[in-house]
Amino acid sequence: MLHCGEELWSEDPARELNNEISELQARVAFPHHWSSGEHEQHIEKLRQLTYEKSRLTDRSGSSSME
């Protein structure tokens, strides 16, 4: 992983995305560790990242067919 200024930049964004999804899945699986507000935030972030991953997968699949 490389640091570019304040931003964290990864050579493999798909791996970073999968890591974030895994972390959030663990948080959502154990809601008693979080306040209800935090739990709802985790669920929403997980939904967004899952959607982003599906878009990334679709994009990489369609570009390899060209």
C-alpha atoms as a PDB file:
ATOM      1  CA  MET A   1       0.000   0.000   0.000  1.00  0.00           C
ATOM      2  CA  LEU A   2       1.290   3.426  -0.880  1.00  0.00           C
ATOM      3  CA  HIS A   3       0.531   6.734   0.758  1.00  0.00           C
ATOM      4  CA  CYS A   4      -0.210   9.630  -1.589  1.00  0.00           C
ATOM      5  CA  GLY A   5      -0.474  12.746   0.550  1.00  0.00           C
ATOM      6  CA  GLU A   6      -3.288  12.157   3.019  1.00  0.00           C
ATOM      7  CA  GLU A   7      -5.004   9.523   0.886  1.00  0.00           C
ATOM      8  CA  LEU A   8      -4.375   5.836   1.326  1.00  0.00           C
ATOM      9  CA  TRP A   9      -3.889   4.244  -2.065  1.00  0.00           C
ATOM     10  CA  SER A  10      -3.913   0.531  -2.749  1.00  0.00           C
ATOM     11  CA  GLU A  11      -2.481  -1.282  -5.705  1.00  0.00           C
ATOM     12  CA  ASP A  12      -5.445  -3.682  -5.521  1.00  0.00           C
ATOM     13  CA  PRO A  13      -8.718  -1.846  -4.877  1.00  0.00           C
ATOM     14  CA  ALA A  14     -10.714  -5.096  -5.144  1.00  0.00           C
ATOM     15  CA  ARG A  15      -8.724  -6.602  -2.268  1.00  0.00           C
ATOM     16  CA  GLU A  16      -9.251  -3.483  -0.154  1.00  0.00           C
ATOM     17  CA  LEU A  17     -12.963  -3.591  -0.932  1.00  0.00           C
ATOM     18  CA  ASN A  18     -13.162  -7.255   0.067  1.00  0.00           C
ATOM     19  CA  ASN A  19     -11.331  -6.491   3.322  1.00  0.00           C
ATOM     20  CA  GLU A  20     -13.759  -3.681   4.150  1.00  0.00           C
ATOM     21  CA  ILE A  21     -16.737  -5.911   3.350  1.00  0.00           C
ATOM     22  CA  SER A  22     -15.377  -8.695   5.565  1.00  0.00           C
ATOM     23  CA  GLU A  23     -14.856  -6.276   8.440  1.00  0.00           C
ATOM     24  CA  LEU A  24     -18.390  -4.900   8.129  1.00  0.00           C
ATOM     25  CA  GLN A  25     -19.896  -8.389   7.849  1.00  0.00           C
ATOM     26  CA  ALA A  26     -18.291  -9.236  11.197  1.00  0.00           C
ATOM     27  CA  ARG A  27     -19.627  -6.024  12.737  1.00  0.00           C
ATOM     28  CA  VAL A  28     -23.137  -6.637  11.412  1.00  0.00           C
ATOM     29  CA  ALA A  29     -23.037 -10.241  12.663  1.00  0.00           C
ATOM     30  CA  PHE A  30     -22.525  -9.039  16.250  1.00  0.00           C
ATOM     31  CA  PRO A  31     -24.885  -6.082  16.687  1.00  0.00           C
ATOM     32  CA  HIS A  32     -24.788  -6.253  20.500  1.00  0.00           C
ATOM     33  CA  HIS A  33     -21.276  -4.730  20.381  1.00  0.00           C
ATOM     34  CA  TRP A  34     -22.592  -1.530  18.789  1.00  0.00           C
ATOM     35  CA  SER A  35     -25.223   1.083  19.458  1.00  0.00           C
ATOM     36  CA  SER A  36     -28.315   0.844  17.266  1.00  0.00           C
ATOM     37  CA  GLY A  37     -27.134   3.910  15.322  1.00  0.00           C
ATOM     38  CA  GLU A  38     -23.712   2.394  14.681  1.00  0.00           C
ATOM     39  CA  HIS A  39     -25.310  -0.901  13.661  1.00  0.00           C
ATOM     40  CA  GLU A  40     -27.517   0.875  11.109  1.00  0.00           C
ATOM     41  CA  GLN A  41     -24.451   2.717   9.756  1.00  0.00           C
ATOM     42  CA  HIS A  42     -22.596  -0.592   9.383  1.00  0.00           C
ATOM     43  CA  ILE A  43     -25.527  -2.139   7.524  1.00  0.00           C
ATOM     44  CA  GLU A  44     -25.775   0.832   5.149  1.00  0.00           C
ATOM     45  CA  LYS A  45     -22.012   0.925   4.505  1.00  0.00           C
ATOM     46  CA  LEU A  46     -22.021  -2.837   3.863  1.00  0.00           C
ATOM     47  CA  ARG A  47     -24.865  -2.397   1.379  1.00  0.00           C
ATOM     48  CA  GLN A  48     -22.948   0.362  -0.421  1.00  0.00           C
ATOM     49  CA  LEU A  49     -19.700  -1.610  -0.566  1.00  0.00           C
ATOM     50  CA  THR A  50     -21.475  -4.735  -1.801  1.00  0.00           C
ATOM     51  CA  TYR A  51     -23.045  -2.679  -4.578  1.00  0.00           C
ATOM     52  CA  GLU A  52     -19.672  -1.124  -5.425  1.00  0.00           C
ATOM     53  CA  LYS A  53     -18.098  -4.590  -5.562  1.00  0.00           C
ATOM     54  CA  SER A  54     -20.807  -5.838  -7.933  1.00  0.00           C
ATOM     55  CA  ARG A  55     -20.226  -2.830 -10.195  1.00  0.00           C
ATOM     56  CA  LEU A  56     -16.466  -3.424 -10.129  1.00  0.00           C
ATOM     57  CA  THR A  57     -16.979  -7.102 -10.956  1.00  0.00           C
ATOM     58  CA  ASP A  58     -19.395  -6.278 -13.787  1.00  0.00           C
ATOM     59  CA  ARG A  59     -17.020  -3.684 -15.202  1.00  0.00           C
ATOM     60  CA  SER A  60     -13.994  -5.993 -15.117  1.00  0.00           C
ATOM     61  CA  GLY A  61     -16.022  -8.837 -16.637  1.00  0.00           C
ATOM     62  CA  SER A  62     -17.310  -6.737 -19.520  1.00  0.00           C
ATOM     63  CA  SER A  63     -13.914  -5.178 -20.258  1.00  0.00           C
ATOM     64  CA  SER A  64     -12.258  -8.600 -20.516  1.00  0.00           C
ATOM     65  CA  MET A  65     -14.826  -9.591 -23.165  1.00  0.00           C
ATOM     66  CA  GLU A  66     -13.939  -6.661 -25.431  1.00  0.00           C
END
